[in-house]
C-alpha cells in the first residue's frame, strides 16, 4: 500500500469517528485498522528518511 493511500484511509476513519458514524463494534475494528495504518506510515517515513540521509552522505 502506498503512503498516500494509508493516510487517506486514516483520514476516513477519523472523519467517521468525529461524526459518530461508528458503533462500538465498528469502532474497535477501525481503531485496529488505524493502528496498522499508522505503523505502515511510520515505517515508510523512517525508511525514506534513512534513504535520504544516505543519499546526502554519499554526495559529500
PDB file of N, CA and C in Angstrom:
ATOM      1  N   UNK A   1       0.850  -1.180   0.000  1.00  0.00           N
ATOM      2  CA  UNK A   1       0.000   0.000   0.000  1.00  0.00           C
ATOM      3  C   UNK A   1       0.897   1.245   0.000  1.00  0.00           C
ATOM      4  N   UNK A   2       0.498   2.207  -0.768  1.00  0.00           N
ATOM      5  CA  UNK A   2       1.235   3.466  -0.830  1.00  0.00           C
ATOM      6  C   UNK A   2       0.926   4.316   0.406  1.00  0.00           C
ATOM      7  N   UNK A   3       1.889   5.161   0.738  1.00  0.00           N
ATOM      8  CA  UNK A   3       1.754   6.053   1.889  1.00  0.00           C
ATOM      9  C   UNK A   3       0.499   6.916   1.757  1.00  0.00           C
ATOM     10  N   UNK A   4       0.285   7.487   0.586  1.00  0.00           N
ATOM     11  CA  UNK A   4      -0.863   8.383   0.389  1.00  0.00           C
ATOM     12  C   UNK A   4      -2.192   7.655   0.584  1.00  0.00           C
ATOM     13  N   UNK A   5      -2.245   6.395   0.197  1.00  0.00           N
ATOM     14  CA  UNK A   5      -3.468   5.606   0.385  1.00  0.00           C
ATOM     15  C   UNK A   5      -3.704   5.342   1.873  1.00  0.00           C
ATOM     16  N   UNK A   6      -2.642   5.032   2.589  1.00  0.00           N
ATOM     17  CA  UNK A   6      -2.768   4.780   4.025  1.00  0.00           C
ATOM     18  C   UNK A   6      -3.249   6.038   4.744  1.00  0.00           C
ATOM     19  N   UNK A   7      -2.704   7.183   4.385  1.00  0.00           N
ATOM     20  CA  UNK A   7      -3.118   8.449   5.002  1.00  0.00           C
ATOM     21  C   UNK A   7      -4.585   8.729   4.672  1.00  0.00           C
ATOM     22  N   UNK A   8      -4.979   8.476   3.444  1.00  0.00           N
ATOM     23  CA  UNK A   8      -6.374   8.702   3.052  1.00  0.00           C
ATOM     24  C   UNK A   8      -7.312   7.831   3.894  1.00  0.00           C
ATOM     25  N   UNK A   9      -6.940   6.570   4.088  1.00  0.00           N
ATOM     26  CA  UNK A   9      -7.766   5.672   4.897  1.00  0.00           C
ATOM     27  C   UNK A   9      -7.832   6.137   6.350  1.00  0.00           C
ATOM     28  N   UNK A  10      -6.701   6.608   6.864  1.00  0.00           N
ATOM     29  CA  UNK A  10      -6.701   7.140   8.231  1.00  0.00           C
ATOM     30  C   UNK A  10      -7.628   8.345   8.349  1.00  0.00           C
ATOM     31  N   UNK A  11      -7.587   9.213   7.367  1.00  0.00           N
ATOM     32  CA  UNK A  11      -8.461  10.391   7.375  1.00  0.00           C
ATOM     33  C   UNK A  11      -9.929   9.978   7.362  1.00  0.00           C
ATOM     34  N   UNK A  12     -10.260   8.948   6.602  1.00  0.00           N
ATOM     35  CA  UNK A  12     -11.641   8.462   6.552  1.00  0.00           C
ATOM     36  C   UNK A  12     -12.082   7.922   7.910  1.00  0.00           C
ATOM     37  N   UNK A  13     -11.187   7.190   8.566  1.00  0.00           N
ATOM     38  CA  UNK A  13     -11.512   6.648   9.888  1.00  0.00           C
ATOM     39  C   UNK A  13     -11.751   7.784  10.876  1.00  0.00           C
ATOM     40  N   UNK A  14     -10.895   8.788  10.860  1.00  0.00           N
ATOM     41  CA  UNK A  14     -11.051   9.939  11.763  1.00  0.00           C
ATOM     42  C   UNK A  14     -12.371  10.651  11.493  1.00  0.00           C
ATOM     43  N   UNK A  15     -12.703  10.851  10.225  1.00  0.00           N
ATOM     44  CA  UNK A  15     -13.970  11.509   9.886  1.00  0.00           C
ATOM     45  C   UNK A  15     -15.156  10.734  10.430  1.00  0.00           C
ATOM     46  N   UNK A  16     -15.126   9.406  10.291  1.00  0.00           N
ATOM     47  CA  UNK A  16     -16.220   8.569  10.809  1.00  0.00           C
ATOM     48  C   UNK A  16     -16.307   8.665  12.326  1.00  0.00           C
ATOM     49  N   UNK A  17     -15.144   8.688  12.985  1.00  0.00           N
ATOM     50  CA  UNK A  17     -15.145   8.785  14.442  1.00  0.00           C
ATOM     51  C   UNK A  17     -15.694  10.137  14.894  1.00  0.00           C
ATOM     52  N   UNK A  18     -15.284  11.196  14.226  1.00  0.00           N
ATOM     53  CA  UNK A  18     -15.732  12.541  14.594  1.00  0.00           C
ATOM     54  C   UNK A  18     -17.221  12.750  14.353  1.00  0.00           C
ATOM     55  N   UNK A  19     -17.757  12.058  13.379  1.00  0.00           N
ATOM     56  CA  UNK A  19     -19.175  12.236  13.067  1.00  0.00           C
ATOM     57  C   UNK A  19     -20.059  11.177  13.735  1.00  0.00           C
ATOM     58  N   UNK A  20     -19.459  10.400  14.631  1.00  0.00           N
ATOM     59  CA  UNK A  20     -20.192   9.353  15.368  1.00  0.00           C
ATOM     60  C   UNK A  20     -20.881   8.350  14.453  1.00  0.00           C
ATOM     61  N   UNK A  21     -20.252   8.026  13.331  1.00  0.00           N
ATOM     62  CA  UNK A  21     -20.826   7.054  12.397  1.00  0.00           C
ATOM     63  C   UNK A  21     -20.550   5.610  12.803  1.00  0.00           C
ATOM     64  N   UNK A  22     -19.680   5.401  13.776  1.00  0.00           N
ATOM     65  CA  UNK A  22     -19.263   4.053  14.131  1.00  0.00           C
ATOM     66  C   UNK A  22     -19.928   3.595  15.424  1.00  0.00           C
ATOM     67  N   UNK A  23     -20.438   2.350  15.399  1.00  0.00           N
ATOM     68  CA  UNK A  23     -20.921   1.778  16.646  1.00  0.00           C
ATOM     69  C   UNK A  23     -19.720   1.178  17.389  1.00  0.00           C
ATOM     70  N   UNK A  24     -19.947   0.649  18.562  1.00  0.00           N
ATOM     71  CA  UNK A  24     -18.852   0.168  19.407  1.00  0.00           C
ATOM     72  C   UNK A  24     -18.053  -0.930  18.700  1.00  0.00           C
ATOM     73  N   UNK A  25     -18.728  -1.866  18.062  1.00  0.00           N
ATOM     74  CA  UNK A  25     -18.027  -2.954  17.390  1.00  0.00           C
ATOM     75  C   UNK A  25     -17.194  -2.440  16.214  1.00  0.00           C
ATOM     76  N   UNK A  26     -17.753  -1.559  15.442  1.00  0.00           N
ATOM     77  CA  UNK A  26     -17.030  -0.989  14.304  1.00  0.00           C
ATOM     78  C   UNK A  26     -15.877  -0.118  14.772  1.00  0.00           C
ATOM     79  N   UNK A  27     -16.084   0.609  15.854  1.00  0.00           N
ATOM     80  CA  UNK A  27     -15.050   1.487  16.382  1.00  0.00           C
ATOM     81  C   UNK A  27     -13.811   0.680  16.753  1.00  0.00           C
ATOM     82  N   UNK A  28     -14.003  -0.428  17.409  1.00  0.00           N
ATOM     83  CA  UNK A  28     -12.887  -1.282  17.805  1.00  0.00           C
ATOM     84  C   UNK A  28     -12.102  -1.748  16.587  1.00  0.00           C
ATOM     85  N   UNK A  29     -12.800  -2.214  15.579  1.00  0.00           N
ATOM     86  CA  UNK A  29     -12.129  -2.694  14.364  1.00  0.00           C
ATOM     87  C   UNK A  29     -11.432  -1.555  13.634  1.00  0.00           C
ATOM     88  N   UNK A  30     -12.068  -0.407  13.565  1.00  0.00           N
ATOM     89  CA  UNK A  30     -11.471   0.735  12.880  1.00  0.00           C
ATOM     90  C   UNK A  30     -10.215   1.225  13.610  1.00  0.00           C
ATOM     91  N   UNK A  31     -10.220   1.153  14.941  1.00  0.00           N
ATOM     92  CA  UNK A  31      -9.036   1.539  15.692  1.00  0.00           C
ATOM     93  C   UNK A  31      -7.876   0.579  15.433  1.00  0.00           C
ATOM     94  N   UNK A  32      -8.177  -0.702  15.312  1.00  0.00           N
ATOM     95  CA  UNK A  32      -7.139  -1.684  14.980  1.00  0.00           C
ATOM     96  C   UNK A  32      -6.568  -1.400  13.588  1.00  0.00           C
ATOM     97  N   UNK A  33      -7.440  -1.106  12.655  1.00  0.00           N
ATOM     98  CA  UNK A  33      -7.006  -0.775  11.300  1.00  0.00           C
ATOM     99  C   UNK A  33      -6.152   0.489  11.315  1.00  0.00           C
ATOM    100  N   UNK A  34      -6.581   1.475  12.077  1.00  0.00           N
ATOM    101  CA  UNK A  34      -5.830   2.726  12.170  1.00  0.00           C
ATOM    102  C   UNK A  34      -4.440   2.476  12.736  1.00  0.00           C
ATOM    103  N   UNK A  35      -4.333   1.618  13.739  1.00  0.00           N
ATOM    104  CA  UNK A  35      -3.024   1.292  14.311  1.00  0.00           C
ATOM    105  C   UNK A  35      -2.101   0.697  13.250  1.00  0.00           C
ATOM    106  N   UNK A  36      -2.631  -0.218  12.453  1.00  0.00           N
ATOM    107  CA  UNK A  36      -1.839  -0.845  11.399  1.00  0.00           C
ATOM    108  C   UNK A  36      -1.411   0.189  10.354  1.00  0.00           C
ATOM    109  N   UNK A  37      -2.314   1.077   9.992  1.00  0.00           N
ATOM    110  CA  UNK A  37      -2.001   2.112   9.008  1.00  0.00           C
ATOM    111  C   UNK A  37      -0.956   3.090   9.534  1.00  0.00           C
ATOM    112  N   UNK A  38      -1.058   3.441  10.809  1.00  0.00           N
ATOM    113  CA  UNK A  38      -0.074   4.343  11.416  1.00  0.00           C
ATOM    114  C   UNK A  38       1.303   3.694  11.424  1.00  0.00           C
ATOM    115  N   UNK A  39       1.363   2.419  11.743  1.00  0.00           N
ATOM    116  CA  UNK A  39       2.650   1.708  11.736  1.00  0.00           C
ATOM    117  C   UNK A  39       3.226   1.681  10.323  1.00  0.00           C
ATOM    118  N   UNK A  40       2.394   1.403   9.347  1.00  0.00           N
ATOM    119  CA  UNK A  40       2.847   1.380   7.956  1.00  0.00           C
ATOM    120  C   UNK A  40       3.408   2.740   7.554  1.00  0.00           C
ATOM    121  N   UNK A  41       2.696   3.805   7.881  1.00  0.00           N
ATOM    122  CA  UNK A  41       3.150   5.157   7.537  1.00  0.00           C
ATOM    123  C   UNK A  41       4.465   5.479   8.237  1.00  0.00           C
ATOM    124  N   UNK A  42       4.546   5.144   9.516  1.00  0.00           N
ATOM    125  CA  UNK A  42       5.762   5.421  10.275  1.00  0.00           C
ATOM    126  C   UNK A  42       6.949   4.661   9.674  1.00  0.00           C
ATOM    127  N   UNK A  43       6.738   3.402   9.329  1.00  0.00           N
ATOM    128  CA  UNK A  43       7.810   2.601   8.721  1.00  0.00           C
ATOM    129  C   UNK A  43       8.260   3.195   7.391  1.00  0.00           C
ATOM    130  N   UNK A  44       7.302   3.618   6.582  1.00  0.00           N
ATOM    131  CA  UNK A  44       7.652   4.211   5.282  1.00  0.00           C
ATOM    132  C   UNK A  44       8.415   5.516   5.460  1.00  0.00           C
ATOM    133  N   UNK A  45       7.997   6.333   6.409  1.00  0.00           N
ATOM    134  CA  UNK A  45       8.693   7.596   6.668  1.00  0.00           C
ATOM    135  C   UNK A  45      10.108   7.351   7.183  1.00  0.00           C
ATOM    136  N   UNK A  46      10.252   6.385   8.069  1.00  0.00           N
ATOM    137  CA  UNK A  46      11.574   6.051   8.604  1.00  0.00           C
ATOM    138  C   UNK A  46      12.490   5.551   7.496  1.00  0.00           C
ATOM    139  N   UNK A  47      11.970   4.693   6.646  1.00  0.00           N
ATOM    140  CA  UNK A  47      12.767   4.157   5.534  1.00  0.00           C
ATOM    141  C   UNK A  47      13.178   5.281   4.573  1.00  0.00           C
ATOM    142  N   UNK A  48      12.236   6.139   4.249  1.00  0.00           N
ATOM    143  CA  UNK A  48      12.523   7.251   3.338  1.00  0.00           C
ATOM    144  C   UNK A  48      13.553   8.198   3.946  1.00  0.00           C
ATOM    145  N   UNK A  49      13.426   8.485   5.234  1.00  0.00           N
ATOM    146  CA  UNK A  49      14.379   9.353   5.918  1.00  0.00           C
ATOM    147  C   UNK A  49      15.783   8.751   5.851  1.00  0.00           C
ATOM    148  N   UNK A  50      15.886   7.468   6.091  1.00  0.00           N
ATOM    149  CA  UNK A  50      17.179   6.787   6.036  1.00  0.00           C
ATOM    150  C   UNK A  50      17.781   6.871   4.630  1.00  0.00           C
ATOM    151  N   UNK A  51      16.956   6.627   3.614  1.00  0.00           N
ATOM    152  CA  UNK A  51      17.431   6.680   2.232  1.00  0.00           C
ATOM    153  C   UNK A  51      17.921   8.086   1.864  1.00  0.00           C
ATOM    154  N   UNK A  52      17.188   9.094   2.303  1.00  0.00           N
ATOM    155  CA  UNK A  52      17.580  10.481   2.010  1.00  0.00           C
ATOM    156  C   UNK A  52      18.912  10.808   2.684  1.00  0.00           C
ATOM    157  N   UNK A  53      19.048  10.411   3.940  1.00  0.00           N
ATOM    158  CA  UNK A  53      20.305  10.669   4.648  1.00  0.00           C
ATOM    159  C   UNK A  53      21.474   9.980   3.967  1.00  0.00           C
ATOM    160  N   UNK A  54      21.254   8.733   3.517  1.00  0.00           N
ATOM    161  CA  UNK A  54      22.325   8.009   2.809  1.00  0.00           C
ATOM    162  C   UNK A  54      22.692   8.705   1.499  1.00  0.00           C
ATOM    163  N   UNK A  55      21.706   9.181   0.782  1.00  0.00           N
ATOM    164  CA  UNK A  55      21.979   9.895  -0.466  1.00  0.00           C
ATOM    165  C   UNK A  55      22.752  11.184  -0.212  1.00  0.00           C
ATOM    166  N   UNK A  56      22.356  11.909   0.802  1.00  0.00           N
ATOM    167  CA  UNK A  56      23.048  13.153   1.126  1.00  0.00           C
ATOM    168  C   UNK A  56      24.480  12.896   1.574  1.00  0.00           C
ATOM    169  N   UNK A  57      24.699  11.845   2.306  1.00  0.00           N
ATOM    170  CA  UNK A  57      26.045  11.496   2.767  1.00  0.00           C
ATOM    171  C   UNK A  57      26.935  11.052   1.600  1.00  0.00           C
ATOM    172  N   UNK A  58      26.344  10.367   0.639  1.00  0.00           N
ATOM    173  CA  UNK A  58      27.142   9.875  -0.493  1.00  0.00           C
ATOM    174  C   UNK A  58      27.534  11.008  -1.442  1.00  0.00           C
ATOM    175  N   UNK A  59      26.846  12.139  -1.360  1.00  0.00           N
ATOM    176  CA  UNK A  59      27.150  13.284  -2.207  1.00  0.00           C
ATOM    177  C   UNK A  59      28.187  14.223  -1.599  1.00  0.00           C
ATOM    178  N   UNK A  60      28.668  13.909  -0.416  1.00  0.00           N
ATOM    179  CA  UNK A  60      29.652  14.790   0.225  1.00  0.00           C
ATOM    180  C   UNK A  60      31.044  14.500  -0.265  1.00  0.00           C
TER     181      UNK A  60
END
